[in-house]
Protein backbone atom coordinates (compact mmCIF):
# COMPACT_ATOMS: atom_id res chain seq x y z
CA MET A 1 0.00 0.00 0.00
CA SER A 2 1.26 3.42 -0.82
CA ALA A 3 1.54 5.72 2.16
CA ASN A 4 0.71 8.87 0.23
CA ARG A 5 -2.64 8.55 -1.52
CA ASN A 6 -5.32 11.02 -2.46
CA ASP A 7 -9.08 10.66 -2.41
CA SER A 8 -11.34 11.00 -5.42
CA SER A 9 -12.59 14.46 -4.44
CA GLN A 10 -9.14 16.10 -4.51
CA ASN A 11 -7.15 16.78 -7.66
CA ASP A 12 -3.79 17.04 -5.92
CA LYS A 13 -2.22 14.89 -3.23
CA LEU A 14 -2.06 15.97 0.38
CA PRO A 15 1.37 17.39 1.25
CA ILE A 16 1.92 14.76 3.95
CA ARG A 17 3.01 11.15 4.26
CA MET A 18 1.41 9.02 6.95
CA LEU A 19 3.78 6.96 9.09
CA HIS A 20 3.52 3.52 10.69
CA ASP A 21 -0.06 2.54 11.64
CA ARG A 22 -1.57 6.01 11.38
CA VAL A 23 -4.83 6.70 9.54
CA LEU A 24 -5.98 10.16 8.43
CA VAL A 25 -9.75 10.55 8.03
CA ARG A 26 -12.19 13.30 7.11
CA GLN A 27 -15.16 13.17 9.44
CA GLU A 28 -18.60 13.22 7.89
CA SER A 29 -20.60 16.29 8.82
CA GLY A 30 -22.64 14.95 11.70
CA GLU A 31 -23.00 18.33 13.31
CA GLY A 32 -26.36 20.00 13.41
CA GLU A 33 -29.87 18.66 13.41
CA ARG A 34 -30.65 15.07 12.51
CA ARG A 35 -33.72 12.88 12.19
CA SER A 36 -34.54 9.75 14.13
CA GLY A 37 -35.68 6.57 12.38
CA GLY A 38 -39.28 7.61 13.07
CA GLY A 39 -38.78 11.02 11.45
CA ILE A 40 -38.52 13.09 14.65
CA LEU A 41 -36.20 16.09 14.30
CA ILE A 42 -33.46 16.02 16.96
CA PRO A 43 -31.78 19.40 17.54
CA ALA A 44 -27.99 19.72 17.58
CA THR A 45 -28.11 20.77 21.23
CA ALA A 46 -29.77 17.54 22.39
CA ALA A 47 -27.58 15.52 24.74
CA VAL A 48 -26.75 12.03 23.55
CA GLY A 49 -24.74 9.24 25.12
CA ARG A 50 -21.38 8.17 23.85
CA ARG A 51 -21.82 7.98 20.09
CA LEU A 52 -19.42 6.63 17.48
CA ALA A 53 -18.89 8.54 14.24
CA TRP A 54 -18.28 7.68 10.58
CA ALA A 55 -15.43 9.15 8.54
CA GLU A 56 -13.77 8.66 5.17
CA VAL A 57 -10.16 7.44 5.06
CA VAL A 58 -7.96 9.94 3.21
CA ALA A 59 -4.45 8.53 3.79
CA VAL A 60 -2.83 5.57 5.54
CA GLY A 61 0.64 4.72 6.82
CA GLN A 62 2.76 1.91 5.39
CA ASN A 63 1.88 -0.52 8.24
CA VAL A 64 -1.91 -0.18 7.92
CA ARG A 65 -3.37 -3.49 6.70
CA THR A 66 -7.17 -3.35 6.96
CA VAL A 67 -8.24 0.00 5.48
CA GLU A 68 -7.59 1.88 2.26
CA PRO A 69 -8.25 5.47 1.20
CA GLY A 70 -11.90 5.85 0.29
CA ASP A 71 -13.16 3.40 2.94
CA ARG A 72 -15.70 4.54 5.54
CA VAL A 73 -14.62 3.80 9.10
CA LEU A 74 -16.34 3.90 12.47
CA PHE A 75 -14.43 5.46 15.37
CA ASP A 76 -14.89 7.09 18.77
CA PRO A 77 -14.79 10.88 18.26
CA GLU A 78 -13.65 11.43 21.85
CA ASP A 79 -10.36 9.60 21.16
CA ARG A 80 -8.97 11.71 18.35
CA ALA A 81 -6.35 14.22 17.35
CA GLU A 82 -7.41 16.88 14.86
CA VAL A 83 -5.21 18.52 12.25
CA GLU A 84 -5.90 21.08 9.53
CA VAL A 85 -4.32 20.68 6.10
CA ARG A 86 -4.99 23.25 3.37
CA GLY A 87 -8.01 24.58 5.26
CA THR A 88 -9.69 21.18 5.70
CA ALA A 89 -10.03 19.55 9.12
CA TYR A 90 -8.91 15.92 9.45
CA VAL A 91 -8.73 13.43 12.29
CA LEU A 92 -5.53 11.47 12.92
CA MET A 93 -5.65 8.10 14.70
CA ARG A 94 -4.06 4.69 14.94
CA GLU A 95 -5.49 1.79 12.97
CA ARG A 96 -6.29 -0.07 16.21
CA ASP A 97 -8.63 2.79 17.26
CA LEU A 98 -11.01 2.00 14.38
CA HIS A 99 -14.08 -0.04 15.29
CA ALA A 100 -15.39 -1.04 11.84
CA VAL A 101 -14.79 -0.59 8.11
CA ALA A 102 -17.45 -0.25 5.41
CA ALA A 103 -16.15 -0.62 1.86
CA ASP A 104 -17.43 -1.66 -1.56
CA ARG A 105 -14.76 -4.38 -1.80
CA PHE A 106 -16.51 -6.33 1.00
CA GLU A 107 -19.87 -6.55 -0.84
CA GLY A 108 -18.97 -9.60 -2.93
CA SER A 109 -17.37 -11.47 -0.03
CA GLN A 110 -18.97 -14.52 1.52
CA ASP A 111 -20.63 -13.88 4.88
CA SER A 112 -20.42 -10.14 4.22
CA THR A 113 -22.35 -7.80 6.47
CA GLY A 114 -20.90 -4.71 4.77
CA LEU A 115 -18.74 -4.04 7.81
CA TYR A 116 -15.38 -5.53 8.68
CA LEU A 117 -15.62 -6.16 12.42
């Protein structure tokens, strides 16, 4: 796996190279109002318990084995380090801090749930 990769939404590569088992992700915009499964509007100020968040992998270090750029990963937003590169906020974490991976490459697999747990 190449340590310096770009995602499909950027034309040029990020000016960084991830090291070891580090994963750089762009968190999906989960801020603001959201709707429950029943259609009830939940305001952004509503208190919720510990909630995991989804993000898109942007770059990985050379020792990362289970995720690739473009994958969606589930992580705990309380255990994170944020960094800004070219005006975009990213989250930096270790591969072991990821809880699940959702990727198109798992769809054709036997016993696939869509998540690598």
